[in-house]
Amino acid sequence: MGHNPGACRAQGELEAVAQRYQALILATRCDHKKAPDSFQSVDIDSLELVRPRRVGIESMVLHAIGQVGLRGKLAAIT
């Protein structure tokens, strides 16, 4: 198969957009009102995964990109 530089550029732009949205989503979940001394020490070996995620944030962002038609918009500019 031939190499399509436009597709590679679009994939890179899509990745950048996905990472930006992920950062925005994570930033809205952070509680910046906590004092810096509120950190706790945690024994990693004692942690148990109680509710595993079935859909990762990447999948959610990809679905949102599909809903707003970003792929078509990116394809239109290449």
PDB file of N, CA and C in Angstrom:
ATOM      1  N   MET A   1       0.834  -1.176   0.000  1.00  0.00           N
ATOM      2  CA  MET A   1       0.000   0.000   0.000  1.00  0.00           C
ATOM      3  C   MET A   1       0.877   1.235   0.000  1.00  0.00           C
ATOM      4  N   GLY A   2       0.423   2.279  -0.648  1.00  0.00           N
ATOM      5  CA  GLY A   2       1.178   3.519  -0.736  1.00  0.00           C
ATOM      6  C   GLY A   2       1.081   4.336   0.546  1.00  0.00           C
ATOM      7  N   HIS A   3       2.044   5.181   0.715  1.00  0.00           N
ATOM      8  CA  HIS A   3       2.104   6.053   1.882  1.00  0.00           C
ATOM      9  C   HIS A   3       1.315   7.324   1.590  1.00  0.00           C
ATOM     10  N   ASN A   4       0.383   7.667   2.439  1.00  0.00           N
ATOM     11  CA  ASN A   4      -0.448   8.855   2.247  1.00  0.00           C
ATOM     12  C   ASN A   4      -0.079   9.890   3.301  1.00  0.00           C
ATOM     13  N   PRO A   5       0.743  10.898   2.949  1.00  0.00           N
ATOM     14  CA  PRO A   5       1.161  11.894   3.937  1.00  0.00           C
ATOM     15  C   PRO A   5      -0.010  12.672   4.518  1.00  0.00           C
ATOM     16  N   GLY A   6      -1.050  12.896   3.714  1.00  0.00           N
ATOM     17  CA  GLY A   6      -2.220  13.621   4.219  1.00  0.00           C
ATOM     18  C   GLY A   6      -2.915  12.854   5.326  1.00  0.00           C
ATOM     19  N   ALA A   7      -3.016  11.534   5.157  1.00  0.00           N
ATOM     20  CA  ALA A   7      -3.655  10.704   6.181  1.00  0.00           C
ATOM     21  C   ALA A   7      -2.823  10.690   7.456  1.00  0.00           C
ATOM     22  N   CYS A   8      -1.513  10.628   7.315  1.00  0.00           N
ATOM     23  CA  CYS A   8      -0.634  10.638   8.488  1.00  0.00           C
ATOM     24  C   CYS A   8      -0.762  11.962   9.239  1.00  0.00           C
ATOM     25  N   ARG A   9      -0.826  13.062   8.473  1.00  0.00           N
ATOM     26  CA  ARG A   9      -0.960  14.374   9.108  1.00  0.00           C
ATOM     27  C   ARG A   9      -2.301  14.470   9.823  1.00  0.00           C
ATOM     28  N   ALA A  10      -3.367  13.966   9.180  1.00  0.00           N
ATOM     29  CA  ALA A  10      -4.704  13.998   9.786  1.00  0.00           C
ATOM     30  C   ALA A  10      -4.736  13.159  11.055  1.00  0.00           C
ATOM     31  N   GLN A  11      -4.068  11.998  11.027  1.00  0.00           N
ATOM     32  CA  GLN A  11      -4.020  11.153  12.218  1.00  0.00           C
ATOM     33  C   GLN A  11      -3.269  11.860  13.342  1.00  0.00           C
ATOM     34  N   GLY A  12      -2.195  12.559  12.997  1.00  0.00           N
ATOM     35  CA  GLY A  12      -1.444  13.306  14.005  1.00  0.00           C
ATOM     36  C   GLY A  12      -2.271  14.431  14.588  1.00  0.00           C
ATOM     37  N   GLU A  13      -3.035  15.125  13.729  1.00  0.00           N
ATOM     38  CA  GLU A  13      -3.905  16.196  14.205  1.00  0.00           C
ATOM     39  C   GLU A  13      -5.026  15.631  15.065  1.00  0.00           C
ATOM     40  N   LEU A  14      -5.567  14.498  14.651  1.00  0.00           N
ATOM     41  CA  LEU A  14      -6.622  13.844  15.420  1.00  0.00           C
ATOM     42  C   LEU A  14      -6.094  13.428  16.790  1.00  0.00           C
ATOM     43  N   GLU A  15      -4.890  12.899  16.833  1.00  0.00           N
ATOM     44  CA  GLU A  15      -4.275  12.508  18.101  1.00  0.00           C
ATOM     45  C   GLU A  15      -4.087  13.725  18.997  1.00  0.00           C
ATOM     46  N   ALA A  16      -3.628  14.842  18.423  1.00  0.00           N
ATOM     47  CA  ALA A  16      -3.430  16.067  19.205  1.00  0.00           C
ATOM     48  C   ALA A  16      -4.756  16.573  19.765  1.00  0.00           C
ATOM     49  N   VAL A  17      -5.805  16.531  18.959  1.00  0.00           N
ATOM     50  CA  VAL A  17      -7.128  16.969  19.418  1.00  0.00           C
ATOM     51  C   VAL A  17      -7.627  16.046  20.523  1.00  0.00           C
ATOM     52  N   ALA A  18      -7.452  14.748  20.343  1.00  0.00           N
ATOM     53  CA  ALA A  18      -7.889  13.783  21.349  1.00  0.00           C
ATOM     54  C   ALA A  18      -7.159  14.004  22.672  1.00  0.00           C
ATOM     55  N   GLN A  19      -5.859  14.249  22.614  1.00  0.00           N
ATOM     56  CA  GLN A  19      -5.098  14.492  23.834  1.00  0.00           C
ATOM     57  C   GLN A  19      -5.530  15.784  24.515  1.00  0.00           C
ATOM     58  N   ARG A  20      -5.857  16.813  23.711  1.00  0.00           N
ATOM     59  CA  ARG A  20      -6.316  18.083  24.281  1.00  0.00           C
ATOM     60  C   ARG A  20      -7.641  17.885  25.011  1.00  0.00           C
ATOM     61  N   TYR A  21      -8.583  17.173  24.367  1.00  0.00           N
ATOM     62  CA  TYR A  21      -9.870  16.920  25.007  1.00  0.00           C
ATOM     63  C   TYR A  21      -9.709  16.066  26.261  1.00  0.00           C
ATOM     64  N   GLN A  22      -8.823  15.103  26.206  1.00  0.00           N
ATOM     65  CA  GLN A  22      -8.578  14.279  27.383  1.00  0.00           C
ATOM     66  C   GLN A  22      -8.060  15.140  28.527  1.00  0.00           C
ATOM     67  N   ALA A  23      -7.124  16.044  28.234  1.00  0.00           N
ATOM     68  CA  ALA A  23      -6.583  16.925  29.264  1.00  0.00           C
ATOM     69  C   ALA A  23      -7.673  17.837  29.833  1.00  0.00           C
ATOM     70  N   LEU A  24      -8.550  18.335  28.972  1.00  0.00           N
ATOM     71  CA  LEU A  24      -9.644  19.185  29.438  1.00  0.00           C
ATOM     72  C   LEU A  24     -10.604  18.417  30.340  1.00  0.00           C
ATOM     73  N   ILE A  25     -10.923  17.188  29.951  1.00  0.00           N
ATOM     74  CA  ILE A  25     -11.825  16.364  30.758  1.00  0.00           C
ATOM     75  C   ILE A  25     -11.203  16.071  32.114  1.00  0.00           C
ATOM     76  N   LEU A  26      -9.937  15.702  32.109  1.00  0.00           N
ATOM     77  CA  LEU A  26      -9.267  15.408  33.369  1.00  0.00           C
ATOM     78  C   LEU A  26      -9.137  16.648  34.238  1.00  0.00           C
ATOM     79  N   ALA A  27      -8.912  17.800  33.624  1.00  0.00           N
ATOM     80  CA  ALA A  27      -8.777  19.044  34.389  1.00  0.00           C
ATOM     81  C   ALA A  27     -10.084  19.405  35.080  1.00  0.00           C
ATOM     82  N   THR A  28     -11.211  19.090  34.463  1.00  0.00           N
ATOM     83  CA  THR A  28     -12.495  19.404  35.086  1.00  0.00           C
ATOM     84  C   THR A  28     -12.801  18.472  36.246  1.00  0.00           C
ATOM     85  N   ARG A  29     -12.146  17.341  36.281  1.00  0.00           N
ATOM     86  CA  ARG A  29     -12.368  16.388  37.382  1.00  0.00           C
ATOM     87  C   ARG A  29     -11.491  16.694  38.594  1.00  0.00           C
ATOM     88  N   CYS A  30     -10.451  17.475  38.430  1.00  0.00           N
ATOM     89  CA  CYS A  30      -9.515  17.757  39.519  1.00  0.00           C
ATOM     90  C   CYS A  30     -10.137  18.729  40.512  1.00  0.00           C
ATOM     91  N   ASP A  31      -9.863  18.510  41.773  1.00  0.00           N
ATOM     92  CA  ASP A  31     -10.323  19.414  42.820  1.00  0.00           C
ATOM     93  C   ASP A  31      -9.129  20.254  43.248  1.00  0.00           C
ATOM     94  N   HIS A  32      -9.027  21.456  42.686  1.00  0.00           N
ATOM     95  CA  HIS A  32      -7.880  22.313  42.963  1.00  0.00           C
ATOM     96  C   HIS A  32      -8.013  23.043  44.302  1.00  0.00           C
ATOM     97  N   LYS A  33      -9.119  22.841  45.009  1.00  0.00           N
ATOM     98  CA  LYS A  33      -9.334  23.529  46.274  1.00  0.00           C
ATOM     99  C   LYS A  33      -8.661  22.817  47.440  1.00  0.00           C
ATOM    100  N   LYS A  34      -8.196  21.603  47.216  1.00  0.00           N
ATOM    101  CA  LYS A  34      -7.533  20.861  48.283  1.00  0.00           C
ATOM    102  C   LYS A  34      -6.182  21.484  48.596  1.00  0.00           C
ATOM    103  N   ALA A  35      -5.850  21.462  49.840  1.00  0.00           N
ATOM    104  CA  ALA A  35      -4.560  22.004  50.263  1.00  0.00           C
ATOM    105  C   ALA A  35      -3.449  21.060  49.818  1.00  0.00           C
ATOM    106  N   PRO A  36      -2.256  21.603  49.516  1.00  0.00           N
ATOM    107  CA  PRO A  36      -1.140  20.751  49.083  1.00  0.00           C
ATOM    108  C   PRO A  36      -0.757  19.692  50.110  1.00  0.00           C
ATOM    109  N   ASP A  37      -1.058  19.921  51.389  1.00  0.00           N
ATOM    110  CA  ASP A  37      -0.682  18.939  52.412  1.00  0.00           C
ATOM    111  C   ASP A  37      -1.726  17.835  52.563  1.00  0.00           C
ATOM    112  N   SER A  38      -2.675  17.747  51.639  1.00  0.00           N
ATOM    113  CA  SER A  38      -3.717  16.736  51.742  1.00  0.00           C
ATOM    114  C   SER A  38      -3.329  15.408  51.082  1.00  0.00           C
ATOM    115  N   PHE A  39      -2.090  15.268  50.642  1.00  0.00           N
ATOM    116  CA  PHE A  39      -1.654  14.024  50.019  1.00  0.00           C
ATOM    117  C   PHE A  39      -1.512  12.934  51.073  1.00  0.00           C
ATOM    118  N   GLN A  40      -1.847  11.717  50.657  1.00  0.00           N
ATOM    119  CA  GLN A  40      -1.796  10.573  51.541  1.00  0.00           C
ATOM    120  C   GLN A  40      -0.847   9.530  50.984  1.00  0.00           C
ATOM    121  N   SER A  41      -0.220   8.775  51.838  1.00  0.00           N
ATOM    122  CA  SER A  41       0.612   7.668  51.429  1.00  0.00           C
ATOM    123  C   SER A  41      -0.277   6.441  51.236  1.00  0.00           C
ATOM    124  N   VAL A  42      -0.061   5.700  50.138  1.00  0.00           N
ATOM    125  CA  VAL A  42      -0.906   4.547  49.825  1.00  0.00           C
ATOM    126  C   VAL A  42      -0.019   3.342  49.545  1.00  0.00           C
ATOM    127  N   ASP A  43      -0.380   2.226  50.128  1.00  0.00           N
ATOM    128  CA  ASP A  43       0.315   0.968  49.853  1.00  0.00           C
ATOM    129  C   ASP A  43      -0.253   0.401  48.562  1.00  0.00           C
ATOM    130  N   ILE A  44       0.541   0.424  47.497  1.00  0.00           N
ATOM    131  CA  ILE A  44       0.090  -0.009  46.179  1.00  0.00           C
ATOM    132  C   ILE A  44      -0.405  -1.451  46.195  1.00  0.00           C
ATOM    133  N   ASP A  45       0.241  -2.304  46.974  1.00  0.00           N
ATOM    134  CA  ASP A  45      -0.142  -3.721  47.013  1.00  0.00           C
ATOM    135  C   ASP A  45      -1.509  -3.941  47.659  1.00  0.00           C
ATOM    136  N   SER A  46      -2.018  -2.942  48.376  1.00  0.00           N
ATOM    137  CA  SER A  46      -3.306  -3.110  49.051  1.00  0.00           C
ATOM    138  C   SER A  46      -4.486  -2.686  48.167  1.00  0.00           C
ATOM    139  N   LEU A  47      -4.217  -2.109  47.007  1.00  0.00           N
ATOM    140  CA  LEU A  47      -5.285  -1.628  46.144  1.00  0.00           C
ATOM    141  C   LEU A  47      -5.948  -2.771  45.387  1.00  0.00           C
ATOM    142  N   GLU A  48      -7.261  -2.686  45.256  1.00  0.00           N
ATOM    143  CA  GLU A  48      -8.022  -3.659  44.482  1.00  0.00           C
ATOM    144  C   GLU A  48      -8.877  -2.898  43.487  1.00  0.00           C
ATOM    145  N   LEU A  49      -8.972  -3.432  42.296  1.00  0.00           N
ATOM    146  CA  LEU A  49      -9.800  -2.819  41.274  1.00  0.00           C
ATOM    147  C   LEU A  49     -11.226  -3.297  41.483  1.00  0.00           C
ATOM    148  N   VAL A  50     -12.093  -2.383  41.940  1.00  0.00           N
ATOM    149  CA  VAL A  50     -13.458  -2.749  42.266  1.00  0.00           C
ATOM    150  C   VAL A  50     -14.374  -2.590  41.064  1.00  0.00           C
ATOM    151  N   ARG A  51     -14.250  -1.482  40.357  1.00  0.00           N
ATOM    152  CA  ARG A  51     -15.101  -1.219  39.196  1.00  0.00           C
ATOM    153  C   ARG A  51     -14.223  -0.929  37.991  1.00  0.00           C
ATOM    154  N   PRO A  52     -13.825  -1.935  37.258  1.00  0.00           N
ATOM    155  CA  PRO A  52     -12.974  -1.684  36.092  1.00  0.00           C
ATOM    156  C   PRO A  52     -13.733  -0.893  35.030  1.00  0.00           C
ATOM    157  N   ARG A  53     -13.012  -0.030  34.335  1.00  0.00           N
ATOM    158  CA  ARG A  53     -13.634   0.745  33.257  1.00  0.00           C
ATOM    159  C   ARG A  53     -13.874  -0.166  32.064  1.00  0.00           C
ATOM    160  N   ARG A  54     -15.055  -0.063  31.518  1.00  0.00           N
ATOM    161  CA  ARG A  54     -15.354  -0.829  30.312  1.00  0.00           C
ATOM    162  C   ARG A  54     -15.014  -0.010  29.076  1.00  0.00           C
ATOM    163  N   VAL A  55     -15.089   1.297  29.198  1.00  0.00           N
ATOM    164  CA  VAL A  55     -14.784   2.183  28.084  1.00  0.00           C
ATOM    165  C   VAL A  55     -13.736   3.172  28.561  1.00  0.00           C
ATOM    166  N   GLY A  56     -12.601   3.208  27.890  1.00  0.00           N
ATOM    167  CA  GLY A  56     -11.558   4.140  28.254  1.00  0.00           C
ATOM    168  C   GLY A  56     -11.860   5.535  27.742  1.00  0.00           C
ATOM    169  N   ILE A  57     -11.173   6.517  28.292  1.00  0.00           N
ATOM    170  CA  ILE A  57     -11.371   7.900  27.890  1.00  0.00           C
ATOM    171  C   ILE A  57     -11.068   8.089  26.412  1.00  0.00           C
ATOM    172  N   GLU A  58     -10.108   7.336  25.891  1.00  0.00           N
ATOM    173  CA  GLU A  58      -9.773   7.455  24.480  1.00  0.00           C
ATOM    174  C   GLU A  58     -10.948   7.048  23.606  1.00  0.00           C
ATOM    175  N   SER A  59     -11.649   5.988  23.994  1.00  0.00           N
ATOM    176  CA  SER A  59     -12.810   5.539  23.239  1.00  0.00           C
ATOM    177  C   SER A  59     -13.930   6.561  23.294  1.00  0.00           C
ATOM    178  N   MET A  60     -14.099   7.191  24.445  1.00  0.00           N
ATOM    179  CA  MET A  60     -15.136   8.211  24.579  1.00  0.00           C
ATOM    180  C   MET A  60     -14.835   9.417  23.697  1.00  0.00           C
ATOM    181  N   VAL A  61     -13.577   9.837  23.686  1.00  0.00           N
ATOM    182  CA  VAL A  61     -13.194  10.975  22.851  1.00  0.00           C
ATOM    183  C   VAL A  61     -13.361  10.624  21.383  1.00  0.00           C
ATOM    184  N   LEU A  62     -12.982   9.416  20.994  1.00  0.00           N
ATOM    185  CA  LEU A  62     -13.144   8.993  19.615  1.00  0.00           C
ATOM    186  C   LEU A  62     -14.620   8.994  19.215  1.00  0.00           C
ATOM    187  N   HIS A  63     -15.483   8.556  20.105  1.00  0.00           N
ATOM    188  CA  HIS A  63     -16.921   8.581  19.844  1.00  0.00           C
ATOM    189  C   HIS A  63     -17.417  10.025  19.698  1.00  0.00           C
ATOM    190  N   ALA A  64     -16.952  10.917  20.567  1.00  0.00           N
ATOM    191  CA  ALA A  64     -17.346  12.325  20.491  1.00  0.00           C
ATOM    192  C   ALA A  64     -16.868  12.956  19.191  1.00  0.00           C
ATOM    193  N   ILE A  65     -15.677  12.607  18.758  1.00  0.00           N
ATOM    194  CA  ILE A  65     -15.147  13.119  17.486  1.00  0.00           C
ATOM    195  C   ILE A  65     -16.036  12.666  16.341  1.00  0.00           C
ATOM    196  N   GLY A  66     -16.514  11.433  16.407  1.00  0.00           N
ATOM    197  CA  GLY A  66     -17.419  10.930  15.379  1.00  0.00           C
ATOM    198  C   GLY A  66     -18.751  11.665  15.389  1.00  0.00           C
ATOM    199  N   GLN A  67     -19.251  11.989  16.593  1.00  0.00           N
ATOM    200  CA  GLN A  67     -20.532  12.677  16.694  1.00  0.00           C
ATOM    201  C   GLN A  67     -20.480  14.083  16.107  1.00  0.00           C
ATOM    202  N   VAL A  68     -19.366  14.785  16.281  1.00  0.00           N
ATOM    203  CA  VAL A  68     -19.275  16.155  15.752  1.00  0.00           C
ATOM    204  C   VAL A  68     -18.751  16.193  14.323  1.00  0.00           C
ATOM    205  N   GLY A  69     -18.415  15.027  13.772  1.00  0.00           N
ATOM    206  CA  GLY A  69     -17.970  14.979  12.375  1.00  0.00           C
ATOM    207  C   GLY A  69     -16.586  15.529  12.155  1.00  0.00           C
ATOM    208  N   LEU A  70     -15.721  15.407  13.139  1.00  0.00           N
ATOM    209  CA  LEU A  70     -14.367  15.975  13.025  1.00  0.00           C
ATOM    210  C   LEU A  70     -13.551  15.294  11.935  1.00  0.00           C
ATOM    211  N   ARG A  71     -13.734  14.006  11.748  1.00  0.00           N
ATOM    212  CA  ARG A  71     -12.969  13.296  10.709  1.00  0.00           C
ATOM    213  C   ARG A  71     -13.236  13.905   9.331  1.00  0.00           C
ATOM    214  N   GLY A  72     -14.503  14.153   9.041  1.00  0.00           N
ATOM    215  CA  GLY A  72     -14.863  14.755   7.751  1.00  0.00           C
ATOM    216  C   GLY A  72     -14.300  16.158   7.600  1.00  0.00           C
ATOM    217  N   LYS A  73     -14.318  16.910   8.690  1.00  0.00           N
ATOM    218  CA  LYS A  73     -13.778  18.269   8.663  1.00  0.00           C
ATOM    219  C   LYS A  73     -12.274  18.257   8.433  1.00  0.00           C
ATOM    220  N   LEU A  74     -11.587  17.330   9.092  1.00  0.00           N
ATOM    221  CA  LEU A  74     -10.141  17.214   8.892  1.00  0.00           C
ATOM    222  C   LEU A  74      -9.838  16.739   7.473  1.00  0.00           C
ATOM    223  N   ALA A  75     -10.638  15.825   6.965  1.00  0.00           N
ATOM    224  CA  ALA A  75     -10.426  15.339   5.604  1.00  0.00           C
ATOM    225  C   ALA A  75     -10.651  16.453   4.587  1.00  0.00           C
ATOM    226  N   ALA A  76     -11.562  17.369   4.895  1.00  0.00           N
ATOM    227  CA  ALA A  76     -11.873  18.457   3.986  1.00  0.00           C
ATOM    228  C   ALA A  76     -10.719  19.461   3.890  1.00  0.00           C
ATOM    229  N   ILE A  77      -9.935  19.583   4.955  1.00  0.00           N
ATOM    230  CA  ILE A  77      -8.836  20.565   4.931  1.00  0.00           C
ATOM    231  C   ILE A  77      -7.533  19.984   4.405  1.00  0.00           C
ATOM    232  N   THR A  78      -7.479  18.667   4.207  1.00  0.00           N
ATOM    233  CA  THR A  78      -6.239  18.073   3.695  1.00  0.00           C
ATOM    234  C   THR A  78      -6.275  17.956   2.208  1.00  0.00           C
TER     235      THR A  78
END
